[in-house]
PDB file of N, CA and C in Angstrom:
ATOM      1  N   MET A   1     115.542 125.069 111.524  1.00  0.00           N
ATOM      2  CA  MET A   1     114.156 125.485 111.606  1.00  0.00           C
ATOM      3  C   MET A   1     113.278 124.330 111.088  1.00  0.00           C
ATOM      4  N   PRO A   2     112.269 123.919 111.841  1.00  0.00           N
ATOM      5  CA  PRO A   2     111.383 122.833 111.412  1.00  0.00           C
ATOM      6  C   PRO A   2     110.571 123.206 110.177  1.00  0.00           C
ATOM      7  N   SER A   3     110.318 122.228 109.364  1.00  0.00           N
ATOM      8  CA  SER A   3     109.488 122.427 108.186  1.00  0.00           C
ATOM      9  C   SER A   3     108.029 122.526 108.616  1.00  0.00           C
ATOM     10  N   PRO A   4     107.272 123.506 108.126  1.00  0.00           N
ATOM     11  CA  PRO A   4     105.851 123.592 108.487  1.00  0.00           C
ATOM     12  C   PRO A   4     105.062 122.375 107.994  1.00  0.00           C
ATOM     13  N   TYR A   5     105.460 121.804 106.853  1.00  0.00           N
ATOM     14  CA  TYR A   5     104.766 120.609 106.354  1.00  0.00           C
ATOM     15  C   TYR A   5     105.044 119.417 107.258  1.00  0.00           C
ATOM     16  N   CYS A   6     106.273 119.295 107.714  1.00  0.00           N
ATOM     17  CA  CYS A   6     106.637 118.214 108.625  1.00  0.00           C
ATOM     18  C   CYS A   6     105.871 118.356 109.941  1.00  0.00           C
ATOM     19  N   GLU A   7     105.834 119.561 110.470  1.00  0.00           N
ATOM     20  CA  GLU A   7     105.103 119.802 111.723  1.00  0.00           C
ATOM     21  C   GLU A   7     103.620 119.471 111.560  1.00  0.00           C
ATOM     22  N   ARG A   8     103.039 119.850 110.436  1.00  0.00           N
ATOM     23  CA  ARG A   8     101.630 119.557 110.215  1.00  0.00           C
ATOM     24  C   ARG A   8     101.403 118.056 110.079  1.00  0.00           C
ATOM     25  N   ALA A   9     102.299 117.357 109.393  1.00  0.00           N
ATOM     26  CA  ALA A   9     102.178 115.901 109.253  1.00  0.00           C
ATOM     27  C   ALA A   9     102.233 115.223 110.618  1.00  0.00           C
ATOM     28  N   ILE A  10     103.140 115.661 111.466  1.00  0.00           N
ATOM     29  CA  ILE A  10     103.238 115.096 112.821  1.00  0.00           C
ATOM     30  C   ILE A  10     101.969 115.366 113.603  1.00  0.00           C
ATOM     31  N   ASN A  11     101.476 116.579 113.557  1.00  0.00           N
ATOM     32  CA  ASN A  11     100.237 116.929 114.278  1.00  0.00           C
ATOM     33  C   ASN A  11      99.043 116.154 113.751  1.00  0.00           C
ATOM     34  N   ASP A  12      98.962 115.984 112.426  1.00  0.00           N
ATOM     35  CA  ASP A  12      97.864 115.188 111.837  1.00  0.00           C
ATOM     36  C   ASP A  12      97.929 113.739 112.325  1.00  0.00           C
ATOM     37  N   ALA A  13      99.135 113.170 112.337  1.00  0.00           N
ATOM     38  CA  ALA A  13      99.299 111.784 112.799  1.00  0.00           C
ATOM     39  C   ALA A  13      98.916 111.652 114.262  1.00  0.00           C
ATOM     40  N   LEU A  14      99.327 112.603 115.075  1.00  0.00           N
ATOM     41  CA  LEU A  14      98.966 112.558 116.493  1.00  0.00           C
ATOM     42  C   LEU A  14      97.460 112.683 116.683  1.00  0.00           C
ATOM     43  N   ARG A  15      96.830 113.539 115.913  1.00  0.00           N
ATOM     44  CA  ARG A  15      95.390 113.727 116.025  1.00  0.00           C
ATOM     45  C   ARG A  15      94.623 112.478 115.585  1.00  0.00           C
ATOM     46  N   GLN A  16      95.091 111.829 114.522  1.00  0.00           N
ATOM     47  CA  GLN A  16      94.435 110.628 114.001  1.00  0.00           C
ATOM     48  C   GLN A  16      94.790 109.383 114.808  1.00  0.00           C
ATOM     49  N   GLY A  17      95.912 109.408 115.486  1.00  0.00           N
ATOM     50  CA  GLY A  17      96.336 108.258 116.280  1.00  0.00           C
ATOM     51  C   GLY A  17      97.079 107.192 115.493  1.00  0.00           C
ATOM     52  N   ARG A  18      97.397 107.473 114.238  1.00  0.00           N
ATOM     53  CA  ARG A  18      98.146 106.521 113.424  1.00  0.00           C
ATOM     54  C   ARG A  18      98.782 107.253 112.256  1.00  0.00           C
ATOM     55  N   ALA A  19      99.818 106.636 111.705  1.00  0.00           N
ATOM     56  CA  ALA A  19     100.517 107.242 110.570  1.00  0.00           C
ATOM     57  C   ALA A  19     101.348 106.181 109.871  1.00  0.00           C
ATOM     58  N   LEU A  20     101.662 106.459 108.633  1.00  0.00           N
ATOM     59  CA  LEU A  20     102.571 105.605 107.863  1.00  0.00           C
ATOM     60  C   LEU A  20     103.660 106.525 107.323  1.00  0.00           C
ATOM     61  N   LEU A  21     104.890 106.258 107.714  1.00  0.00           N
ATOM     62  CA  LEU A  21     106.019 107.029 107.214  1.00  0.00           C
ATOM     63  C   LEU A  21     106.608 106.252 106.050  1.00  0.00           C
ATOM     64  N   LYS A  22     106.655 106.863 104.902  1.00  0.00           N
ATOM     65  CA  LYS A  22     107.139 106.178 103.690  1.00  0.00           C
ATOM     66  C   LYS A  22     108.222 107.039 103.051  1.00  0.00           C
ATOM     67  N   PHE A  23     109.448 106.509 103.023  1.00  0.00           N
ATOM     68  CA  PHE A  23     110.494 107.155 102.273  1.00  0.00           C
ATOM     69  C   PHE A  23     110.327 106.720 100.821  1.00  0.00           C
ATOM     70  N   ILE A  24     110.231 107.667  99.928  1.00  0.00           N
ATOM     71  CA  ILE A  24     109.966 107.374  98.525  1.00  0.00           C
ATOM     72  C   ILE A  24     111.251 106.878  97.862  1.00  0.00           C
ATOM     73  N   SER A  25     111.156 105.702  97.266  1.00  0.00           N
ATOM     74  CA  SER A  25     112.316 105.104  96.592  1.00  0.00           C
ATOM     75  C   SER A  25     112.328 105.548  95.122  1.00  0.00           C
ATOM     76  N   PRO A  26     113.478 105.412  94.457  1.00  0.00           N
ATOM     77  CA  PRO A  26     113.499 105.696  93.022  1.00  0.00           C
ATOM     78  C   PRO A  26     112.493 104.832  92.258  1.00  0.00           C
ATOM     79  N   ASN A  27     112.285 103.601  92.684  1.00  0.00           N
ATOM     80  CA  ASN A  27     111.311 102.727  92.037  1.00  0.00           C
ATOM     81  C   ASN A  27     109.895 103.281  92.203  1.00  0.00           C
ATOM     82  N   ASP A  28     109.555 103.785  93.409  1.00  0.00           N
ATOM     83  CA  ASP A  28     108.236 104.381  93.653  1.00  0.00           C
ATOM     84  C   ASP A  28     107.976 105.553  92.712  1.00  0.00           C
ATOM     85  N   ALA A  29     109.020 106.316  92.423  1.00  0.00           N
ATOM     86  CA  ALA A  29     108.891 107.518  91.603  1.00  0.00           C
ATOM     87  C   ALA A  29     109.004 107.241  90.107  1.00  0.00           C
ATOM     88  N   GLY A  30     109.178 105.961  89.725  1.00  0.00           N
ATOM     89  CA  GLY A  30     109.255 105.605  88.307  1.00  0.00           C
ATOM     90  C   GLY A  30     110.593 105.905  87.670  1.00  0.00           C
ATOM     91  N   LEU A  31     111.655 106.015  88.475  1.00  0.00           N
ATOM     92  CA  LEU A  31     112.965 106.378  87.932  1.00  0.00           C
ATOM     93  C   LEU A  31     113.822 105.183  87.540  1.00  0.00           C
ATOM     94  N   THR A  32     113.383 103.971  87.836  1.00  0.00           N
ATOM     95  CA  THR A  32     114.208 102.786  87.581  1.00  0.00           C
ATOM     96  C   THR A  32     113.811 102.037  86.323  1.00  0.00           C
ATOM     97  N   GLY A  33     112.714 102.430  85.688  1.00  0.00           N
ATOM     98  CA  GLY A  33     112.275 101.750  84.485  1.00  0.00           C
ATOM     99  C   GLY A  33     111.508 100.465  84.751  1.00  0.00           C
ATOM    100  N   SER A  34     111.152 100.218  86.008  1.00  0.00           N
ATOM    101  CA  SER A  34     110.409  98.995  86.322  1.00  0.00           C
ATOM    102  C   SER A  34     108.954  99.151  85.901  1.00  0.00           C
ATOM    103  N   HIS A  35     108.220  98.072  85.975  1.00  0.00           N
ATOM    104  CA  HIS A  35     106.804  98.087  85.596  1.00  0.00           C
ATOM    105  C   HIS A  35     105.893  98.554  86.734  1.00  0.00           C
ATOM    106  N   GLN A  36     106.470  98.773  87.911  1.00  0.00           N
ATOM    107  CA  GLN A  36     105.659  99.187  89.063  1.00  0.00           C
ATOM    108  C   GLN A  36     105.032 100.556  88.790  1.00  0.00           C
ATOM    109  N   CYS A  37     103.804 100.708  89.237  1.00  0.00           N
ATOM    110  CA  CYS A  37     103.115 101.983  89.087  1.00  0.00           C
ATOM    111  C   CYS A  37     102.640 102.431  90.451  1.00  0.00           C
ATOM    112  N   GLY A  38     103.200 103.468  90.996  1.00  0.00           N
ATOM    113  CA  GLY A  38     102.769 103.981  92.292  1.00  0.00           C
ATOM    114  C   GLY A  38     103.615 103.476  93.437  1.00  0.00           C
ATOM    115  N   PHE A  39     103.138 103.748  94.642  1.00  0.00           N
ATOM    116  CA  PHE A  39     103.874 103.434  95.851  1.00  0.00           C
ATOM    117  C   PHE A  39     103.571 102.025  96.342  1.00  0.00           C
ATOM    118  N   TYR A  40     104.598 101.359  96.793  1.00  0.00           N
ATOM    119  CA  TYR A  40     104.432 100.056  97.417  1.00  0.00           C
ATOM    120  C   TYR A  40     104.183 100.295  98.898  1.00  0.00           C
ATOM    121  N   LEU A  41     103.087  99.781  99.425  1.00  0.00           N
ATOM    122  CA  LEU A  41     102.773  99.928 100.838  1.00  0.00           C
ATOM    123  C   LEU A  41     103.169  98.663 101.587  1.00  0.00           C
ATOM    124  N   PRO A  42     103.705  98.814 102.778  1.00  0.00           N
ATOM    125  CA  PRO A  42     104.093  97.628 103.542  1.00  0.00           C
ATOM    126  C   PRO A  42     102.892  96.767 103.912  1.00  0.00           C
ATOM    127  N   LEU A  43     103.147  95.459 104.060  1.00  0.00           N
ATOM    128  CA  LEU A  43     102.093  94.552 104.501  1.00  0.00           C
ATOM    129  C   LEU A  43     101.511  95.041 105.821  1.00  0.00           C
ATOM    130  N   GLY A  44     100.230  94.889 105.962  1.00  0.00           N
ATOM    131  CA  GLY A  44      99.573  95.296 107.203  1.00  0.00           C
ATOM    132  C   GLY A  44      99.110  96.735 107.222  1.00  0.00           C
ATOM    133  N   SER A  45      99.532  97.538 106.247  1.00  0.00           N
ATOM    134  CA  SER A  45      99.112  98.946 106.244  1.00  0.00           C
ATOM    135  C   SER A  45      97.802  99.144 105.489  1.00  0.00           C
ATOM    136  N   TRP A  46      97.285  98.095 104.852  1.00  0.00           N
ATOM    137  CA  TRP A  46      96.068  98.222 104.044  1.00  0.00           C
ATOM    138  C   TRP A  46      94.898  98.742 104.861  1.00  0.00           C
ATOM    139  N   GLU A  47      94.866  98.421 106.158  1.00  0.00           N
ATOM    140  CA  GLU A  47      93.742  98.842 107.009  1.00  0.00           C
ATOM    141  C   GLU A  47      93.616 100.360 107.118  1.00  0.00           C
ATOM    142  N   MET A  48      94.710 101.072 106.855  1.00  0.00           N
ATOM    143  CA  MET A  48      94.668 102.537 106.914  1.00  0.00           C
ATOM    144  C   MET A  48      93.989 103.134 105.685  1.00  0.00           C
ATOM    145  N   PHE A  49      93.858 102.341 104.615  1.00  0.00           N
ATOM    146  CA  PHE A  49      93.403 102.884 103.345  1.00  0.00           C
ATOM    147  C   PHE A  49      92.121 102.264 102.806  1.00  0.00           C
ATOM    148  N   THR A  50      91.773 101.074 103.264  1.00  0.00           N
ATOM    149  CA  THR A  50      90.599 100.390 102.727  1.00  0.00           C
ATOM    150  C   THR A  50      90.012  99.439 103.762  1.00  0.00           C
ATOM    151  N   PRO A  51      88.713  99.291 103.791  1.00  0.00           N
ATOM    152  CA  PRO A  51      88.101  98.328 104.711  1.00  0.00           C
ATOM    153  C   PRO A  51      88.175  96.890 104.184  1.00  0.00           C
ATOM    154  N   GLN A  52      88.571  96.737 102.918  1.00  0.00           N
ATOM    155  CA  GLN A  52      88.603  95.423 102.277  1.00  0.00           C
ATOM    156  C   GLN A  52      89.916  94.713 102.585  1.00  0.00           C
ATOM    157  N   ALA A  53      89.839  93.587 103.263  1.00  0.00           N
ATOM    158  CA  ALA A  53      91.043  92.812 103.558  1.00  0.00           C
ATOM    159  C   ALA A  53      91.486  92.049 102.317  1.00  0.00           C
ATOM    160  N   PRO A  54      92.795  91.780 102.197  1.00  0.00           N
ATOM    161  CA  PRO A  54      93.247  90.938 101.093  1.00  0.00           C
ATOM    162  C   PRO A  54      92.564  89.574 101.156  1.00  0.00           C
ATOM    163  N   GLU A  55      92.194  89.048  99.987  1.00  0.00           N
ATOM    164  CA  GLU A  55      91.521  87.754  99.894  1.00  0.00           C
ATOM    165  C   GLU A  55      92.266  86.862  98.920  1.00  0.00           C
ATOM    166  N   ASN A  56      92.397  85.605  99.290  1.00  0.00           N
ATOM    167  CA  ASN A  56      93.089  84.658  98.436  1.00  0.00           C
ATOM    168  C   ASN A  56      92.371  84.538  97.087  1.00  0.00           C
ATOM    169  N   GLY A  57      93.122  84.771  96.004  1.00  0.00           N
ATOM    170  CA  GLY A  57      92.577  84.617  94.661  1.00  0.00           C
ATOM    171  C   GLY A  57      91.802  85.805  94.127  1.00  0.00           C
ATOM    172  N   LYS A  58      91.680  86.905  94.891  1.00  0.00           N
ATOM    173  CA  LYS A  58      90.915  88.072  94.414  1.00  0.00           C
ATOM    174  C   LYS A  58      91.765  89.331  94.481  1.00  0.00           C
ATOM    175  N   ASN A  59      91.642  90.166  93.461  1.00  0.00           N
ATOM    176  CA  ASN A  59      92.291  91.463  93.420  1.00  0.00           C
ATOM    177  C   ASN A  59      91.244  92.522  93.753  1.00  0.00           C
ATOM    178  N   HIS A  60      91.504  93.368  94.733  1.00  0.00           N
ATOM    179  CA  HIS A  60      90.555  94.416  95.117  1.00  0.00           C
ATOM    180  C   HIS A  60      91.163  95.788  94.873  1.00  0.00           C
ATOM    181  N   LYS A  61      90.340  96.714  94.427  1.00  0.00           N
ATOM    182  CA  LYS A  61      90.771  98.087  94.202  1.00  0.00           C
ATOM    183  C   LYS A  61      89.834  99.007  94.970  1.00  0.00           C
ATOM    184  N   HIS A  62      90.405  99.959  95.713  1.00  0.00           N
ATOM    185  CA  HIS A  62      89.626 100.862  96.543  1.00  0.00           C
ATOM    186  C   HIS A  62      90.075 102.293  96.281  1.00  0.00           C
ATOM    187  N   SER A  63      89.152 103.181  95.904  1.00  0.00           N
ATOM    188  CA  SER A  63      89.484 104.585  95.663  1.00  0.00           C
ATOM    189  C   SER A  63      89.728 105.318  96.977  1.00  0.00           C
ATOM    190  N   VAL A  64      90.725 106.189  96.973  1.00  0.00           N
ATOM    191  CA  VAL A  64      91.037 106.992  98.155  1.00  0.00           C
ATOM    192  C   VAL A  64      91.329 108.430  97.736  1.00  0.00           C
ATOM    193  N   LYS A  65      91.044 109.360  98.628  1.00  0.00           N
ATOM    194  CA  LYS A  65      91.442 110.751  98.456  1.00  0.00           C
ATOM    195  C   LYS A  65      92.511 111.041  99.504  1.00  0.00           C
ATOM    196  N   ILE A  66      93.582 111.688  99.066  1.00  0.00           N
ATOM    197  CA  ILE A  66      94.695 111.991  99.948  1.00  0.00           C
ATOM    198  C   ILE A  66      94.786 113.496 100.131  1.00  0.00           C
ATOM    199  N   LEU A  67      94.745 113.943 101.390  1.00  0.00           N
ATOM    200  CA  LEU A  67      94.923 115.350 101.720  1.00  0.00           C
ATOM    201  C   LEU A  67      96.361 115.538 102.170  1.00  0.00           C
ATOM    202  N   TRP A  68      97.141 116.244 101.355  1.00  0.00           N
ATOM    203  CA  TRP A  68      98.547 116.488 101.661  1.00  0.00           C
ATOM    204  C   TRP A  68      98.661 117.678 102.597  1.00  0.00           C
ATOM    205  N   GLN A  69      99.817 117.816 103.231  1.00  0.00           N
ATOM    206  CA  GLN A  69     100.012 118.864 104.234  1.00  0.00           C
ATOM    207  C   GLN A  69      99.940 120.274 103.669  1.00  0.00           C
ATOM    208  N   ASP A  70     100.112 120.441 102.372  1.00  0.00           N
ATOM    209  CA  ASP A  70     100.010 121.768 101.773  1.00  0.00           C
ATOM    210  C   ASP A  70      98.574 122.101 101.355  1.00  0.00           C
ATOM    211  N   GLY A  71      97.622 121.197 101.671  1.00  0.00           N
ATOM    212  CA  GLY A  71      96.217 121.424 101.345  1.00  0.00           C
ATOM    213  C   GLY A  71      95.777 120.815 100.024  1.00  0.00           C
ATOM    214  N   THR A  72      96.714 120.305  99.239  1.00  0.00           N
ATOM    215  CA  THR A  72      96.382 119.665  97.970  1.00  0.00           C
ATOM    216  C   THR A  72      95.661 118.347  98.224  1.00  0.00           C
ATOM    217  N   VAL A  73      94.644 118.059  97.436  1.00  0.00           N
ATOM    218  CA  VAL A  73      93.946 116.785  97.516  1.00  0.00           C
ATOM    219  C   VAL A  73      94.171 116.036  96.205  1.00  0.00           C
ATOM    220  N   THR A  74      94.578 114.781  96.306  1.00  0.00           N
ATOM    221  CA  THR A  74      94.754 113.949  95.120  1.00  0.00           C
ATOM    222  C   THR A  74      93.877 112.707  95.264  1.00  0.00           C
ATOM    223  N   GLU A  75      93.442 112.196  94.127  1.00  0.00           N
ATOM    224  CA  GLU A  75      92.655 110.947  94.115  1.00  0.00           C
ATOM    225  C   GLU A  75      93.572 109.838  93.633  1.00  0.00           C
ATOM    226  N   SER A  76      93.440 108.694  94.291  1.00  0.00           N
ATOM    227  CA  SER A  76      94.294 107.570  93.968  1.00  0.00           C
ATOM    228  C   SER A  76      93.495 106.277  94.178  1.00  0.00           C
ATOM    229  N   ALA A  77      94.185 105.164  94.155  1.00  0.00           N
ATOM    230  CA  ALA A  77      93.541 103.862  94.401  1.00  0.00           C
ATOM    231  C   ALA A  77      94.531 102.963  95.114  1.00  0.00           C
ATOM    232  N   VAL A  78      93.984 102.127  95.974  1.00  0.00           N
ATOM    233  CA  VAL A  78      94.776 101.090  96.645  1.00  0.00           C
ATOM    234  C   VAL A  78      94.386  99.783  95.978  1.00  0.00           C
ATOM    235  N   ASP A  79      95.356  99.119  95.390  1.00  0.00           N
ATOM    236  CA  ASP A  79      95.148  97.805  94.764  1.00  0.00           C
ATOM    237  C   ASP A  79      95.666  96.761  95.726  1.00  0.00           C
ATOM    238  N   LEU A  80      94.786  95.903  96.179  1.00  0.00           N
ATOM    239  CA  LEU A  80      95.185  94.815  97.052  1.00  0.00           C
ATOM    240  C   LEU A  80      95.364  93.552  96.221  1.00  0.00           C
ATOM    241  N   PRO A  81      96.600  93.089  96.110  1.00  0.00           N
ATOM    242  CA  PRO A  81      96.812  91.856  95.367  1.00  0.00           C
ATOM    243  C   PRO A  81      96.266  90.672  96.143  1.00  0.00           C
ATOM    244  N   PRO A  82      96.038  89.562  95.469  1.00  0.00           N
ATOM    245  CA  PRO A  82      95.555  88.376  96.174  1.00  0.00           C
ATOM    246  C   PRO A  82      96.532  87.971  97.269  1.00  0.00           C
ATOM    247  N   SER A  83      96.001  87.588  98.417  1.00  0.00           N
ATOM    248  CA  SER A  83      96.869  87.117  99.498  1.00  0.00           C
ATOM    249  C   SER A  83      97.329  85.708  99.169  1.00  0.00           C
ATOM    250  N   THR A  84      98.421  85.323  99.784  1.00  0.00           N
ATOM    251  CA  THR A  84      98.942  83.963  99.545  1.00  0.00           C
ATOM    252  C   THR A  84      99.039  83.209 100.829  1.00  0.00           C
TER     253      THR A  84
END
């Protein structure tokens, strides 16, 4: 039986015309003891979350609201490290 959350995520992605599928790693969840905080997003996905492109020598932070498939809304931030 399909998950209703999975079905909603697929329908949302189809409606928006884009999606990012992210399998959460132990490091993303803070289970490895690393200094990383939050999810690592693949290069090139920044355009889905912020209008600010990475810039050489500058760190940019952009606030985002995330609407999850269960209706929960969370506030977060996308930190763009300096490009190289």
